[in-house]
Amino acid sequence: MKKLFYLFALLPLSMLAQETVWKKLTTEPYPGKQDDITFIDENTGWYVNGFGALYHTSDGGTTWHKQFEKKGTFFRTVAFIDKNTGFIGNVGTDYFPNVTDTIPLYGTKDGGKTWAPVAYKGPYVKGLCAIDVVKEQYINHGQIDYKYHLYGVGRVGSPAAIIVSHDGGKTWASQSMDADCKMLFDIKMFNKNEGFVCAASNADVTQSNALILQTADGGKTWKKVYQSSRPYETTWKVAFPTRQTGYVTIQSYNPDTNVKQQRLAKTTDGGNTWKEINLVEDNTAREFGIGFIDENHGFVGTMNSGYETKDGGTTWQKTDLGRACNKIRIYRDDKGKVYGYAIGLNVYKL
């Protein structure tokens, strides 16, 4: 026992602090992949699923209650800017069965108790798969205040579009992105101008390459910074633990079971260039969500397992995130404490 104590005493504090465990939470059963979860602090959060249901917790996920439900809607993404103001994106019709709702975005002003369709100017948005929020500090009459910029993108199965608000969700404007890509899955904005989207080059997955696009003007224009060379591929989710280091999951739908290598895209120069890194040789490990604590320590969800790296993706080990973990959100509180939540077939807490 004394030797074991000395062994741990010799380890760097950073290494000891990075030991992590994901705990499965008790939630209402769901038959497939659930898509998004969000928290405004360690205790207060929401998650959504394809049954058009929204669940809320105020005790860090110990208990959940169904706060809202809309039949015929496939809730794909959720975001809140504070305890009252939030938004849910619907994937839209003509892709998943039994989805009849053509409204892409809903908003709440009472913490999720009631929801209403969100009006927007611009071309019709078929559906949304991700929403990102940028909190911008500014001086308001001599006091520090904040502005909220929101960006929604979609969708899986096409068409590609972006919807943006620069006033905390009071007004929105949409823009087609079909000239740049054919499917959109995720978005990460560093500020109101600079960011990236996860995309696909073709609406036909048999001809599609994984695609990453970059904007420097708030989504008005985009340039390609990465495209895979293989068919049957799309990107899926993005994580930037630092401004310079980022990761994107690459999905393979290749029907050839001999094609086993699963890959990610990684950048170390702020997204200007990307290289492919290997995850695992397993044709059943289709990738979904991704989240990182720092530039080296992170997690990927796949169809059949979760994976963890502590060396920036050089090596990976299996970790329990359940099946089809689609979204991993990792946060730091004001004191630097790390906490996180992940959702797929089940909900997990870091």
Protein backbone atom coordinates (compact mmCIF):
# COMPACT_ATOMS: atom_id res chain seq x y z
CA MET A 1 0.00 0.00 0.00
CA LYS A 2 2.89 2.36 0.84
CA LYS A 3 4.49 1.71 -2.55
CA LEU A 4 1.19 2.46 -4.27
CA PHE A 5 0.92 5.74 -2.38
CA TYR A 6 4.43 6.75 -3.44
CA LEU A 7 3.63 5.84 -7.03
CA PHE A 8 0.65 8.20 -7.10
CA ALA A 9 2.62 10.87 -5.27
CA LEU A 10 5.18 10.85 -8.06
CA LEU A 11 2.56 11.34 -10.79
CA PRO A 12 2.04 14.90 -12.11
CA LEU A 13 -1.01 16.63 -10.67
CA SER A 14 -2.28 17.26 -14.21
CA MET A 15 -2.31 13.53 -14.88
CA LEU A 16 -4.16 12.77 -11.65
CA ALA A 17 -6.71 15.49 -12.40
CA GLN A 18 -7.46 14.05 -15.80
CA GLU A 19 -8.70 10.68 -14.56
CA THR A 20 -12.33 10.65 -15.63
CA VAL A 21 -15.36 8.43 -15.35
CA TRP A 22 -18.65 8.62 -17.23
CA LYS A 23 -21.72 7.64 -15.22
CA LYS A 24 -24.92 6.44 -16.87
CA LEU A 25 -27.94 8.45 -15.73
CA THR A 26 -31.49 7.22 -15.27
CA THR A 27 -33.64 8.50 -18.13
CA GLU A 28 -36.78 7.47 -19.99
CA PRO A 29 -36.07 4.58 -22.40
CA TYR A 30 -35.69 5.48 -26.09
CA PRO A 31 -35.27 2.94 -28.91
CA GLY A 32 -32.47 4.66 -30.85
CA LYS A 33 -29.89 7.43 -30.99
CA GLN A 34 -30.84 10.61 -29.17
CA ASP A 35 -29.14 13.65 -30.60
CA ASP A 36 -28.43 16.60 -28.33
CA ILE A 37 -28.03 17.76 -24.74
CA THR A 38 -27.12 21.15 -23.29
CA PHE A 39 -26.48 22.71 -19.87
CA ILE A 40 -26.26 26.32 -18.69
CA ASP A 41 -24.55 25.26 -15.44
CA GLU A 42 -23.62 21.98 -13.79
CA ASN A 43 -27.17 21.36 -12.57
CA THR A 44 -29.52 22.88 -15.15
CA GLY A 45 -29.90 21.20 -18.51
CA TRP A 46 -32.10 19.84 -21.28
CA TYR A 47 -31.99 17.04 -23.85
CA VAL A 48 -34.09 16.23 -26.90
CA ASN A 49 -34.90 13.25 -29.09
CA GLY A 50 -36.62 12.13 -32.27
CA PHE A 51 -39.99 11.66 -30.60
CA GLY A 52 -40.29 15.45 -30.38
CA ALA A 53 -39.62 15.32 -26.64
CA LEU A 54 -37.70 17.72 -24.42
CA TYR A 55 -36.46 16.64 -20.98
CA HIS A 56 -35.26 18.96 -18.20
CA THR A 57 -33.14 18.52 -15.08
CA SER A 58 -32.34 20.94 -12.27
CA ASP A 59 -30.22 18.55 -10.19
CA GLY A 60 -27.37 17.63 -12.52
CA GLY A 61 -29.19 14.78 -14.22
CA THR A 62 -30.17 12.84 -11.10
CA THR A 63 -33.79 13.28 -12.11
CA TRP A 64 -35.39 14.31 -15.40
CA HIS A 65 -38.92 15.22 -16.36
CA LYS A 66 -40.53 15.55 -19.75
CA GLN A 67 -41.05 19.27 -20.13
CA PHE A 68 -42.47 19.42 -23.65
CA GLU A 69 -43.51 17.08 -26.47
CA LYS A 70 -44.63 17.67 -30.04
CA LYS A 71 -45.75 14.67 -32.07
CA GLY A 72 -44.52 14.47 -35.65
CA THR A 73 -41.40 16.49 -34.82
CA PHE A 74 -37.82 15.20 -34.73
CA PHE A 75 -35.89 17.38 -32.28
CA ARG A 76 -32.28 17.19 -33.42
CA THR A 77 -30.56 20.01 -31.54
CA VAL A 78 -31.09 22.21 -28.47
CA ALA A 79 -29.37 25.34 -27.13
CA PHE A 80 -30.04 27.71 -24.24
CA ILE A 81 -28.40 31.08 -23.60
CA ASP A 82 -29.74 31.38 -20.04
CA LYS A 83 -32.28 29.69 -17.77
CA ASN A 84 -35.20 31.16 -19.72
CA THR A 85 -34.22 31.60 -23.38
CA GLY A 86 -33.66 28.54 -25.55
CA PHE A 87 -34.06 27.08 -29.02
CA ILE A 88 -34.77 23.65 -30.48
CA GLY A 89 -34.05 22.59 -34.06
CA ASN A 90 -36.25 20.13 -35.95
CA VAL A 91 -34.67 17.91 -38.64
CA GLY A 92 -37.71 18.36 -40.91
CA THR A 93 -39.70 16.17 -43.26
CA ASP A 94 -38.80 13.75 -46.07
CA TYR A 95 -35.93 12.05 -44.31
CA PHE A 96 -37.02 10.15 -41.19
CA PRO A 97 -40.37 8.29 -41.09
CA ASN A 98 -43.35 9.78 -39.25
CA VAL A 99 -41.89 13.30 -39.23
CA THR A 100 -44.59 15.71 -40.42
CA ASP A 101 -43.42 19.01 -38.89
CA THR A 102 -42.02 21.48 -41.45
CA ILE A 103 -41.01 24.16 -38.91
CA PRO A 104 -37.20 24.16 -38.49
CA LEU A 105 -36.80 26.17 -35.28
CA TYR A 106 -38.70 26.70 -32.03
CA GLY A 107 -38.00 29.13 -29.20
CA THR A 108 -38.88 29.43 -25.52
CA LYS A 109 -38.81 32.38 -23.12
CA ASP A 110 -39.89 30.52 -19.99
CA GLY A 111 -37.20 27.90 -19.54
CA GLY A 112 -38.75 25.32 -21.84
CA LYS A 113 -42.30 25.18 -20.51
CA THR A 114 -43.81 26.60 -23.71
CA TRP A 115 -42.42 26.81 -27.24
CA ALA A 116 -43.36 28.74 -30.38
CA PRO A 117 -42.16 28.66 -34.00
CA VAL A 118 -39.32 31.08 -34.72
CA ALA A 119 -39.79 33.49 -37.63
CA TYR A 120 -36.87 34.22 -39.96
CA LYS A 121 -36.09 36.13 -43.13
CA GLY A 122 -34.57 34.40 -46.12
CA PRO A 123 -34.90 31.10 -48.00
CA TYR A 124 -36.80 28.19 -46.48
CA VAL A 125 -34.79 26.05 -44.05
CA LYS A 126 -35.74 22.39 -44.43
CA GLY A 127 -34.26 21.29 -41.12
CA LEU A 128 -31.55 21.82 -38.53
CA CYS A 129 -28.94 19.50 -37.01
CA ALA A 130 -26.89 21.82 -34.78
CA ILE A 131 -27.01 25.18 -33.01
CA ASP A 132 -23.99 27.05 -31.65
CA VAL A 133 -24.01 30.06 -29.31
CA VAL A 134 -21.36 32.81 -29.14
CA LYS A 135 -21.30 35.00 -26.02
CA GLU A 136 -19.70 38.34 -26.82
CA GLN A 137 -18.64 40.80 -24.13
CA TYR A 138 -19.13 44.52 -24.71
CA ILE A 139 -19.43 47.79 -22.81
CA ASN A 140 -23.03 48.91 -22.35
CA HIS A 141 -23.35 52.45 -20.91
CA GLY A 142 -20.17 52.01 -18.90
CA GLN A 143 -21.03 48.49 -17.70
CA ILE A 144 -19.83 45.08 -18.88
CA ASP A 145 -22.64 43.33 -20.73
CA TYR A 146 -23.02 40.48 -23.21
CA LYS A 147 -24.46 39.91 -26.67
CA TYR A 148 -25.50 36.48 -27.90
CA HIS A 149 -25.01 35.35 -31.49
CA LEU A 150 -26.70 32.09 -32.54
CA TYR A 151 -25.94 29.93 -35.57
CA GLY A 152 -28.00 26.95 -36.74
CA VAL A 153 -27.10 24.59 -39.59
CA GLY A 154 -28.67 21.61 -41.35
CA ARG A 155 -29.34 19.21 -42.54
CA VAL A 156 -28.53 15.52 -42.86
CA GLY A 157 -29.91 14.31 -46.20
CA SER A 158 -29.78 17.87 -47.65
CA PRO A 159 -30.47 20.67 -48.40
CA ALA A 160 -27.72 22.72 -46.73
CA ALA A 161 -28.62 25.98 -44.99
CA ILE A 162 -27.57 28.27 -42.16
CA ILE A 163 -29.77 30.43 -39.94
CA VAL A 164 -28.25 33.24 -37.85
CA SER A 165 -29.29 35.64 -35.08
CA HIS A 166 -27.16 38.50 -33.75
CA ASP A 167 -29.59 39.70 -31.08
CA GLY A 168 -30.02 36.73 -28.78
CA GLY A 169 -32.63 35.04 -30.95
CA LYS A 170 -35.03 37.94 -31.34
CA THR A 171 -34.58 38.07 -35.12
CA TRP A 172 -33.13 35.50 -37.53
CA ALA A 173 -31.97 35.38 -41.15
CA SER A 174 -31.36 32.29 -43.28
CA GLN A 175 -29.01 31.55 -46.17
CA SER A 176 -28.67 28.57 -48.51
CA MET A 177 -25.30 26.81 -48.48
CA ASP A 178 -26.03 24.41 -51.34
CA ALA A 179 -23.33 26.07 -53.44
CA ASP A 180 -20.73 25.10 -50.81
CA CYS A 181 -21.93 21.67 -49.69
CA LYS A 182 -24.96 19.40 -49.76
CA MET A 183 -25.36 18.34 -46.11
CA LEU A 184 -24.55 20.10 -42.82
CA PHE A 185 -24.20 18.44 -39.43
CA ASP A 186 -22.44 20.71 -36.92
CA ILE A 187 -21.06 24.21 -36.43
CA LYS A 188 -18.45 25.78 -34.17
CA MET A 189 -18.06 29.57 -34.05
CA PHE A 190 -15.22 31.17 -32.07
CA ASN A 191 -16.70 34.63 -32.36
CA LYS A 192 -19.38 36.29 -34.46
CA ASN A 193 -17.19 36.06 -37.59
CA GLU A 194 -14.85 33.05 -37.42
CA GLY A 195 -15.86 29.41 -37.41
CA PHE A 196 -16.27 26.03 -39.08
CA VAL A 197 -19.00 23.67 -40.22
CA CYS A 198 -19.04 19.89 -40.60
CA ALA A 199 -20.43 19.06 -44.04
CA ALA A 200 -20.65 16.57 -46.89
CA SER A 201 -19.88 17.12 -50.55
CA ASN A 202 -22.84 15.23 -52.02
CA ALA A 203 -26.42 14.46 -51.03
CA ASP A 204 -25.87 10.92 -52.33
CA VAL A 205 -23.76 9.26 -49.64
CA THR A 206 -22.34 6.76 -52.14
CA GLN A 207 -20.59 9.70 -53.83
CA SER A 208 -20.03 11.89 -50.79
CA ASN A 209 -16.73 13.00 -49.25
CA ALA A 210 -16.32 14.33 -45.74
CA LEU A 211 -16.01 18.12 -45.88
CA ILE A 212 -14.98 20.92 -43.51
CA LEU A 213 -15.71 24.56 -44.38
CA GLN A 214 -14.37 27.75 -42.80
CA THR A 215 -15.89 31.23 -42.55
CA ALA A 216 -14.31 34.55 -41.60
CA ASP A 217 -17.40 36.73 -42.10
CA GLY A 218 -20.06 35.18 -39.90
CA GLY A 219 -21.23 32.61 -42.41
CA LYS A 220 -21.78 34.85 -45.42
CA THR A 221 -19.02 33.09 -47.36
CA TRP A 222 -17.19 29.79 -46.88
CA LYS A 223 -14.01 28.12 -48.08
CA LYS A 224 -13.06 24.44 -48.11
CA VAL A 225 -10.24 23.54 -45.72
CA TYR A 226 -10.59 19.74 -45.78
CA GLN A 227 -12.16 17.12 -48.05
CA SER A 228 -11.66 13.36 -47.77
CA SER A 229 -10.70 11.36 -50.83
CA ARG A 230 -13.01 8.38 -50.22
CA PRO A 231 -16.68 7.91 -51.14
CA TYR A 232 -19.38 6.96 -48.61
CA GLU A 233 -18.07 9.56 -46.14
CA THR A 234 -19.42 12.55 -44.25
CA THR A 235 -18.20 14.54 -41.29
CA TRP A 236 -20.37 14.62 -38.17
CA LYS A 237 -19.37 16.59 -35.05
CA VAL A 238 -16.59 19.05 -34.16
CA ALA A 239 -14.67 19.85 -30.97
CA PHE A 240 -12.13 22.65 -30.44
CA PRO A 241 -10.65 22.32 -26.93
CA THR A 242 -8.36 25.27 -27.76
CA ARG A 243 -8.43 27.90 -30.47
CA GLN A 244 -5.60 26.15 -32.31
CA THR A 245 -6.43 22.45 -31.80
CA GLY A 246 -9.61 20.90 -33.16
CA TYR A 247 -11.06 17.53 -34.06
CA VAL A 248 -13.87 16.39 -36.38
CA THR A 249 -15.42 12.93 -36.54
CA ILE A 250 -15.57 11.32 -39.99
CA GLN A 251 -18.37 8.88 -40.73
CA SER A 252 -17.96 5.99 -43.16
CA TYR A 253 -20.99 4.31 -44.73
CA ASN A 254 -18.92 2.03 -46.98
CA PRO A 255 -20.80 -1.28 -47.35
CA ASP A 256 -17.54 -3.19 -47.86
CA THR A 257 -16.93 -4.87 -44.48
CA ASN A 258 -13.24 -5.18 -45.35
CA VAL A 259 -12.93 -1.40 -45.07
CA LYS A 260 -12.40 -1.19 -41.31
CA GLN A 261 -10.31 1.90 -40.59
CA GLN A 262 -12.19 4.71 -38.84
CA ARG A 263 -10.60 8.17 -38.96
CA LEU A 264 -10.87 11.67 -37.57
CA ALA A 265 -9.67 14.99 -38.92
CA LYS A 266 -7.37 17.04 -36.67
CA THR A 267 -6.00 20.57 -36.87
CA THR A 268 -3.23 22.20 -34.82
CA ASP A 269 -3.16 25.55 -36.62
CA GLY A 270 -6.62 26.88 -35.86
CA GLY A 271 -8.37 25.02 -38.67
CA ASN A 272 -6.40 26.31 -41.63
CA THR A 273 -5.08 22.81 -42.38
CA TRP A 274 -6.30 19.36 -41.31
CA LYS A 275 -4.76 15.90 -41.22
CA GLU A 276 -6.41 12.51 -40.79
CA ILE A 277 -5.69 10.45 -37.69
CA ASN A 278 -6.82 6.89 -36.99
CA LEU A 279 -9.39 5.93 -34.39
CA VAL A 280 -9.89 2.16 -34.63
CA GLU A 281 -10.01 -0.65 -37.21
CA ASP A 282 -13.64 -1.70 -36.85
CA ASN A 283 -16.17 -1.32 -39.65
CA THR A 284 -19.03 -1.29 -37.10
CA ALA A 285 -17.58 1.71 -35.19
CA ARG A 286 -19.31 4.47 -37.13
CA GLU A 287 -18.42 7.74 -35.42
CA PHE A 288 -20.80 10.26 -33.90
CA GLY A 289 -20.09 12.70 -31.07
CA ILE A 290 -16.77 14.17 -29.96
CA GLY A 291 -15.63 16.20 -26.95
CA PHE A 292 -12.28 17.20 -25.45
CA ILE A 293 -11.24 18.36 -21.98
CA ASP A 294 -7.99 19.81 -23.34
CA GLU A 295 -5.99 19.50 -26.55
CA ASN A 296 -4.92 15.95 -25.70
CA HIS A 297 -7.65 14.40 -23.56
CA GLY A 298 -10.92 13.64 -25.31
CA PHE A 299 -13.70 11.26 -26.21
CA VAL A 300 -15.45 9.93 -29.33
CA GLY A 301 -18.78 8.16 -29.46
CA THR A 302 -19.38 5.42 -32.04
CA MET A 303 -22.21 3.10 -32.94
CA ASN A 304 -21.05 0.41 -30.53
CA SER A 305 -18.71 2.03 -27.96
CA GLY A 306 -17.02 5.15 -26.72
CA TYR A 307 -13.30 5.83 -27.10
CA GLU A 308 -10.90 7.92 -25.01
CA THR A 309 -7.50 9.43 -25.85
CA LYS A 310 -5.02 11.17 -23.57
CA ASP A 311 -2.36 11.85 -26.20
CA GLY A 312 -4.16 13.91 -28.80
CA GLY A 313 -5.50 10.97 -30.76
CA THR A 314 -2.29 9.00 -31.17
CA THR A 315 -3.80 6.12 -29.17
CA TRP A 316 -7.37 5.31 -28.15
CA GLN A 317 -8.94 3.04 -25.55
CA LYS A 318 -12.56 1.96 -25.20
CA THR A 319 -14.61 3.76 -22.57
CA ASP A 320 -18.25 3.38 -21.59
CA LEU A 321 -20.32 6.09 -23.29
CA GLY A 322 -23.07 3.70 -24.31
CA ARG A 323 -24.08 3.04 -27.88
CA ALA A 324 -24.45 5.74 -30.53
CA CYS A 325 -23.20 8.61 -28.36
CA ASN A 326 -24.08 11.52 -30.64
CA LYS A 327 -23.23 14.63 -28.64
CA ILE A 328 -20.57 15.20 -25.99
CA ARG A 329 -20.58 18.55 -24.22
CA ILE A 330 -17.73 19.40 -21.86
CA TYR A 331 -17.82 22.56 -19.75
CA ARG A 332 -15.72 24.46 -17.22
CA ASP A 333 -17.30 26.50 -14.44
CA ASP A 334 -16.01 29.86 -13.23
CA LYS A 335 -13.46 28.11 -11.01
CA GLY A 336 -12.14 25.89 -13.79
CA LYS A 337 -13.89 22.71 -12.67
CA VAL A 338 -14.58 20.36 -15.58
CA TYR A 339 -17.94 18.67 -15.99
CA GLY A 340 -19.73 17.18 -18.96
CA TYR A 341 -22.71 15.35 -20.37
CA ALA A 342 -23.12 12.99 -23.30
CA ILE A 343 -26.17 11.60 -25.09
CA GLY A 344 -26.87 8.70 -27.40
CA LEU A 345 -29.01 5.69 -26.65
CA ASN A 346 -28.58 6.83 -23.03
CA VAL A 347 -27.41 9.91 -21.13
CA TYR A 348 -24.06 9.99 -19.32
CA LYS A 349 -22.43 12.43 -16.90
CA LEU A 350 -18.70 13.14 -16.59
